[in-house]
Amino acid sequence: MIKIEYFHNPVCPYCPAAKRLLTKVIEGLNDIKLIDVNTYTEEGITRGTSLNLMAVPAIAINGVVKLTGWPFEAEDLLAYIDEAREK
């Protein structure tokens, strides 16, 4: 199972577009567990800090930040998902 953490916050103007792209990319993939992390919550702040995250939107795959900021492409996400499958 590949764990994808999607870091976002309610005031980020780019986070909704990132979420739409992420949702589209992982649709139909059965080996993905998606976790939404709101960085405006105590839990989200703690998790983001543990990964030295400084910006949103951000995506961590299996506990490693792979994408930070916007824009990124579907191909970028798929490449990191494929990389995680190979490990």
N, C-alpha and C. Protein backbone atom coordinates (compact mmCIF):
# COMPACT_ATOMS: atom_id res chain seq x y z
N MET A 1 0.84 -1.18 0.00
CA MET A 1 0.00 0.00 0.00
C MET A 1 0.89 1.25 0.00
N ILE A 2 0.60 2.17 -0.88
CA ILE A 2 1.32 3.44 -0.97
C ILE A 2 0.53 4.50 -0.22
N LYS A 3 1.19 5.18 0.71
CA LYS A 3 0.53 6.22 1.50
C LYS A 3 0.88 7.58 0.91
N ILE A 4 -0.14 8.30 0.46
CA ILE A 4 0.04 9.65 -0.06
C ILE A 4 -0.58 10.62 0.92
N GLU A 5 0.23 11.55 1.40
CA GLU A 5 -0.26 12.61 2.27
C GLU A 5 -0.36 13.89 1.45
N TYR A 6 -1.54 14.47 1.44
CA TYR A 6 -1.79 15.71 0.73
C TYR A 6 -1.89 16.84 1.75
N PHE A 7 -0.91 17.74 1.76
CA PHE A 7 -0.85 18.85 2.70
C PHE A 7 -1.49 20.08 2.07
N HIS A 8 -2.39 20.71 2.80
CA HIS A 8 -3.12 21.86 2.29
C HIS A 8 -3.57 22.73 3.45
N ASN A 9 -4.09 23.91 3.11
CA ASN A 9 -4.75 24.73 4.12
C ASN A 9 -5.86 25.52 3.45
N PRO A 10 -6.79 26.03 4.24
CA PRO A 10 -7.99 26.66 3.67
C PRO A 10 -7.75 28.01 2.99
N VAL A 11 -6.63 28.65 3.19
CA VAL A 11 -6.38 29.94 2.56
C VAL A 11 -5.46 29.85 1.34
N CYS A 12 -4.99 28.68 1.04
CA CYS A 12 -4.11 28.48 -0.12
C CYS A 12 -4.93 28.55 -1.41
N PRO A 13 -4.59 29.46 -2.32
CA PRO A 13 -5.36 29.56 -3.57
C PRO A 13 -5.06 28.42 -4.55
N TYR A 14 -3.95 27.72 -4.36
CA TYR A 14 -3.55 26.66 -5.29
C TYR A 14 -3.95 25.26 -4.83
N CYS A 15 -4.26 25.12 -3.56
CA CYS A 15 -4.57 23.80 -3.01
C CYS A 15 -5.76 23.11 -3.67
N PRO A 16 -6.85 23.80 -3.98
CA PRO A 16 -7.97 23.10 -4.63
C PRO A 16 -7.58 22.49 -5.98
N ALA A 17 -6.79 23.20 -6.77
CA ALA A 17 -6.37 22.66 -8.07
C ALA A 17 -5.46 21.44 -7.87
N ALA A 18 -4.58 21.52 -6.89
CA ALA A 18 -3.70 20.39 -6.60
C ALA A 18 -4.51 19.17 -6.18
N LYS A 19 -5.52 19.39 -5.34
CA LYS A 19 -6.36 18.28 -4.88
C LYS A 19 -7.13 17.65 -6.04
N ARG A 20 -7.65 18.49 -6.95
CA ARG A 20 -8.36 17.95 -8.11
C ARG A 20 -7.44 17.08 -8.96
N LEU A 21 -6.22 17.56 -9.19
CA LEU A 21 -5.27 16.78 -9.99
C LEU A 21 -4.91 15.48 -9.28
N LEU A 22 -4.62 15.55 -8.01
CA LEU A 22 -4.27 14.36 -7.24
C LEU A 22 -5.41 13.35 -7.27
N THR A 23 -6.62 13.80 -7.05
CA THR A 23 -7.78 12.91 -7.06
C THR A 23 -7.95 12.24 -8.41
N LYS A 24 -7.76 13.00 -9.47
CA LYS A 24 -7.88 12.46 -10.82
C LYS A 24 -6.81 11.40 -11.09
N VAL A 25 -5.58 11.68 -10.67
CA VAL A 25 -4.46 10.76 -10.91
C VAL A 25 -4.65 9.44 -10.18
N ILE A 26 -5.11 9.50 -8.93
CA ILE A 26 -5.19 8.25 -8.15
C ILE A 26 -6.52 7.52 -8.30
N GLU A 27 -7.46 8.12 -9.03
CA GLU A 27 -8.75 7.48 -9.24
C GLU A 27 -8.55 6.10 -9.87
N GLY A 28 -9.10 5.10 -9.25
CA GLY A 28 -9.01 3.74 -9.77
C GLY A 28 -7.76 2.98 -9.35
N LEU A 29 -6.85 3.62 -8.65
CA LEU A 29 -5.65 2.93 -8.16
C LEU A 29 -5.96 2.34 -6.80
N ASN A 30 -5.94 1.04 -6.71
CA ASN A 30 -6.35 0.35 -5.49
C ASN A 30 -5.26 0.27 -4.42
N ASP A 31 -4.03 0.58 -4.79
CA ASP A 31 -2.93 0.43 -3.83
C ASP A 31 -2.54 1.76 -3.19
N ILE A 32 -3.44 2.75 -3.22
CA ILE A 32 -3.16 4.08 -2.68
C ILE A 32 -4.04 4.36 -1.46
N LYS A 33 -3.41 4.85 -0.41
CA LYS A 33 -4.15 5.35 0.75
C LYS A 33 -3.89 6.85 0.80
N LEU A 34 -4.92 7.66 0.62
CA LEU A 34 -4.79 9.11 0.62
C LEU A 34 -5.15 9.67 2.00
N ILE A 35 -4.27 10.51 2.51
CA ILE A 35 -4.48 11.15 3.80
C ILE A 35 -4.43 12.66 3.58
N ASP A 36 -5.53 13.34 3.89
CA ASP A 36 -5.58 14.80 3.84
C ASP A 36 -4.99 15.37 5.12
N VAL A 37 -4.06 16.29 4.99
CA VAL A 37 -3.43 16.92 6.15
C VAL A 37 -3.64 18.43 6.04
N ASN A 38 -4.50 18.94 6.90
CA ASN A 38 -4.77 20.37 6.94
C ASN A 38 -3.73 21.03 7.84
N THR A 39 -2.91 21.88 7.25
CA THR A 39 -1.82 22.49 8.01
C THR A 39 -2.29 23.66 8.88
N TYR A 40 -3.59 23.85 8.96
CA TYR A 40 -4.15 24.83 9.90
C TYR A 40 -4.68 24.16 11.16
N THR A 41 -4.36 22.91 11.33
CA THR A 41 -4.74 22.19 12.54
C THR A 41 -3.47 21.83 13.33
N GLU A 42 -3.65 21.57 14.61
CA GLU A 42 -2.50 21.18 15.45
C GLU A 42 -1.83 19.93 14.89
N GLU A 43 -2.64 18.95 14.52
CA GLU A 43 -2.10 17.70 13.96
C GLU A 43 -1.36 17.96 12.66
N GLY A 44 -1.94 18.81 11.80
CA GLY A 44 -1.32 19.12 10.52
C GLY A 44 -0.01 19.87 10.68
N ILE A 45 0.02 20.80 11.63
CA ILE A 45 1.25 21.54 11.90
C ILE A 45 2.34 20.59 12.37
N THR A 46 1.98 19.70 13.27
CA THR A 46 2.95 18.73 13.80
C THR A 46 3.49 17.84 12.68
N ARG A 47 2.59 17.33 11.85
CA ARG A 47 3.04 16.44 10.77
C ARG A 47 3.89 17.20 9.75
N GLY A 48 3.45 18.38 9.36
CA GLY A 48 4.23 19.17 8.41
C GLY A 48 5.61 19.52 8.94
N THR A 49 5.66 19.89 10.21
CA THR A 49 6.95 20.22 10.83
C THR A 49 7.87 19.01 10.85
N SER A 50 7.31 17.84 11.09
CA SER A 50 8.14 16.63 11.15
C SER A 50 8.80 16.33 9.81
N LEU A 51 8.22 16.86 8.73
CA LEU A 51 8.79 16.66 7.39
C LEU A 51 9.50 17.92 6.87
N ASN A 52 9.68 18.90 7.75
CA ASN A 52 10.29 20.18 7.38
C ASN A 52 9.57 20.86 6.22
N LEU A 53 8.27 20.72 6.20
CA LEU A 53 7.45 21.28 5.14
C LEU A 53 7.30 22.79 5.35
N MET A 54 7.52 23.55 4.29
CA MET A 54 7.47 25.00 4.41
C MET A 54 6.42 25.64 3.50
N ALA A 55 5.75 24.85 2.65
CA ALA A 55 4.77 25.42 1.72
C ALA A 55 3.72 24.38 1.37
N VAL A 56 2.57 24.88 0.96
CA VAL A 56 1.50 24.03 0.46
C VAL A 56 1.07 24.57 -0.89
N PRO A 57 0.47 23.76 -1.73
CA PRO A 57 0.19 22.35 -1.53
C PRO A 57 1.47 21.53 -1.58
N ALA A 58 1.44 20.41 -0.91
CA ALA A 58 2.58 19.51 -0.90
C ALA A 58 2.08 18.08 -0.85
N ILE A 59 2.90 17.20 -1.41
CA ILE A 59 2.55 15.78 -1.42
C ILE A 59 3.74 14.98 -0.93
N ALA A 60 3.47 14.14 0.06
CA ALA A 60 4.47 13.20 0.55
C ALA A 60 4.01 11.80 0.18
N ILE A 61 4.94 11.00 -0.26
CA ILE A 61 4.64 9.62 -0.61
C ILE A 61 5.49 8.73 0.28
N ASN A 62 4.81 7.88 1.03
CA ASN A 62 5.44 6.99 2.00
C ASN A 62 6.38 7.75 2.94
N GLY A 63 5.91 8.92 3.38
CA GLY A 63 6.64 9.68 4.38
C GLY A 63 7.75 10.57 3.87
N VAL A 64 7.87 10.71 2.55
CA VAL A 64 8.91 11.56 1.96
C VAL A 64 8.24 12.61 1.09
N VAL A 65 8.54 13.89 1.36
CA VAL A 65 7.97 14.96 0.55
C VAL A 65 8.53 14.87 -0.86
N LYS A 66 7.63 14.79 -1.83
CA LYS A 66 8.03 14.67 -3.24
C LYS A 66 7.70 15.91 -4.04
N LEU A 67 6.60 16.58 -3.71
CA LEU A 67 6.18 17.75 -4.46
C LEU A 67 5.77 18.85 -3.49
N THR A 68 6.28 20.05 -3.73
CA THR A 68 5.92 21.20 -2.89
C THR A 68 5.64 22.38 -3.80
N GLY A 69 4.53 23.06 -3.54
CA GLY A 69 4.16 24.21 -4.35
C GLY A 69 3.41 23.79 -5.60
N TRP A 70 2.95 24.78 -6.30
CA TRP A 70 2.14 24.56 -7.50
C TRP A 70 2.73 25.39 -8.61
N PRO A 71 2.78 24.94 -9.83
CA PRO A 71 2.09 23.78 -10.36
C PRO A 71 2.98 22.54 -10.38
N PHE A 72 2.33 21.40 -10.46
CA PHE A 72 2.98 20.16 -10.81
C PHE A 72 2.02 19.41 -11.73
N GLU A 73 2.54 18.43 -12.41
CA GLU A 73 1.78 17.74 -13.45
C GLU A 73 1.41 16.33 -13.03
N ALA A 74 0.42 15.78 -13.69
CA ALA A 74 0.00 14.40 -13.45
C ALA A 74 1.18 13.45 -13.65
N GLU A 75 2.00 13.73 -14.64
CA GLU A 75 3.16 12.87 -14.92
C GLU A 75 4.13 12.84 -13.75
N ASP A 76 4.27 13.99 -13.06
CA ASP A 76 5.13 14.04 -11.88
C ASP A 76 4.61 13.09 -10.79
N LEU A 77 3.32 13.18 -10.53
CA LEU A 77 2.70 12.31 -9.52
C LEU A 77 2.84 10.85 -9.88
N LEU A 78 2.53 10.53 -11.12
CA LEU A 78 2.60 9.13 -11.56
C LEU A 78 4.03 8.59 -11.46
N ALA A 79 5.01 9.41 -11.77
CA ALA A 79 6.40 8.97 -11.67
C ALA A 79 6.76 8.63 -10.23
N TYR A 80 6.33 9.46 -9.29
CA TYR A 80 6.63 9.19 -7.88
C TYR A 80 5.85 7.99 -7.35
N ILE A 81 4.64 7.80 -7.83
CA ILE A 81 3.86 6.62 -7.44
C ILE A 81 4.55 5.36 -7.98
N ASP A 82 4.98 5.39 -9.22
CA ASP A 82 5.68 4.25 -9.80
C ASP A 82 6.99 3.97 -9.04
N GLU A 83 7.70 5.02 -8.67
CA GLU A 83 8.93 4.87 -7.89
C GLU A 83 8.62 4.17 -6.56
N ALA A 84 7.54 4.55 -5.90
CA ALA A 84 7.16 3.93 -4.63
C ALA A 84 6.80 2.47 -4.82
N ARG A 85 6.21 2.13 -5.93
CA ARG A 85 5.84 0.73 -6.20
C ARG A 85 7.07 -0.14 -6.37
N GLU A 86 8.14 0.43 -6.89
CA GLU A 86 9.36 -0.33 -7.15
C GLU A 86 10.14 -0.64 -5.88
N LYS A 87 9.84 0.07 -4.80
CA LYS A 87 10.57 -0.13 -3.55
C LYS A 87 9.96 -1.21 -2.72
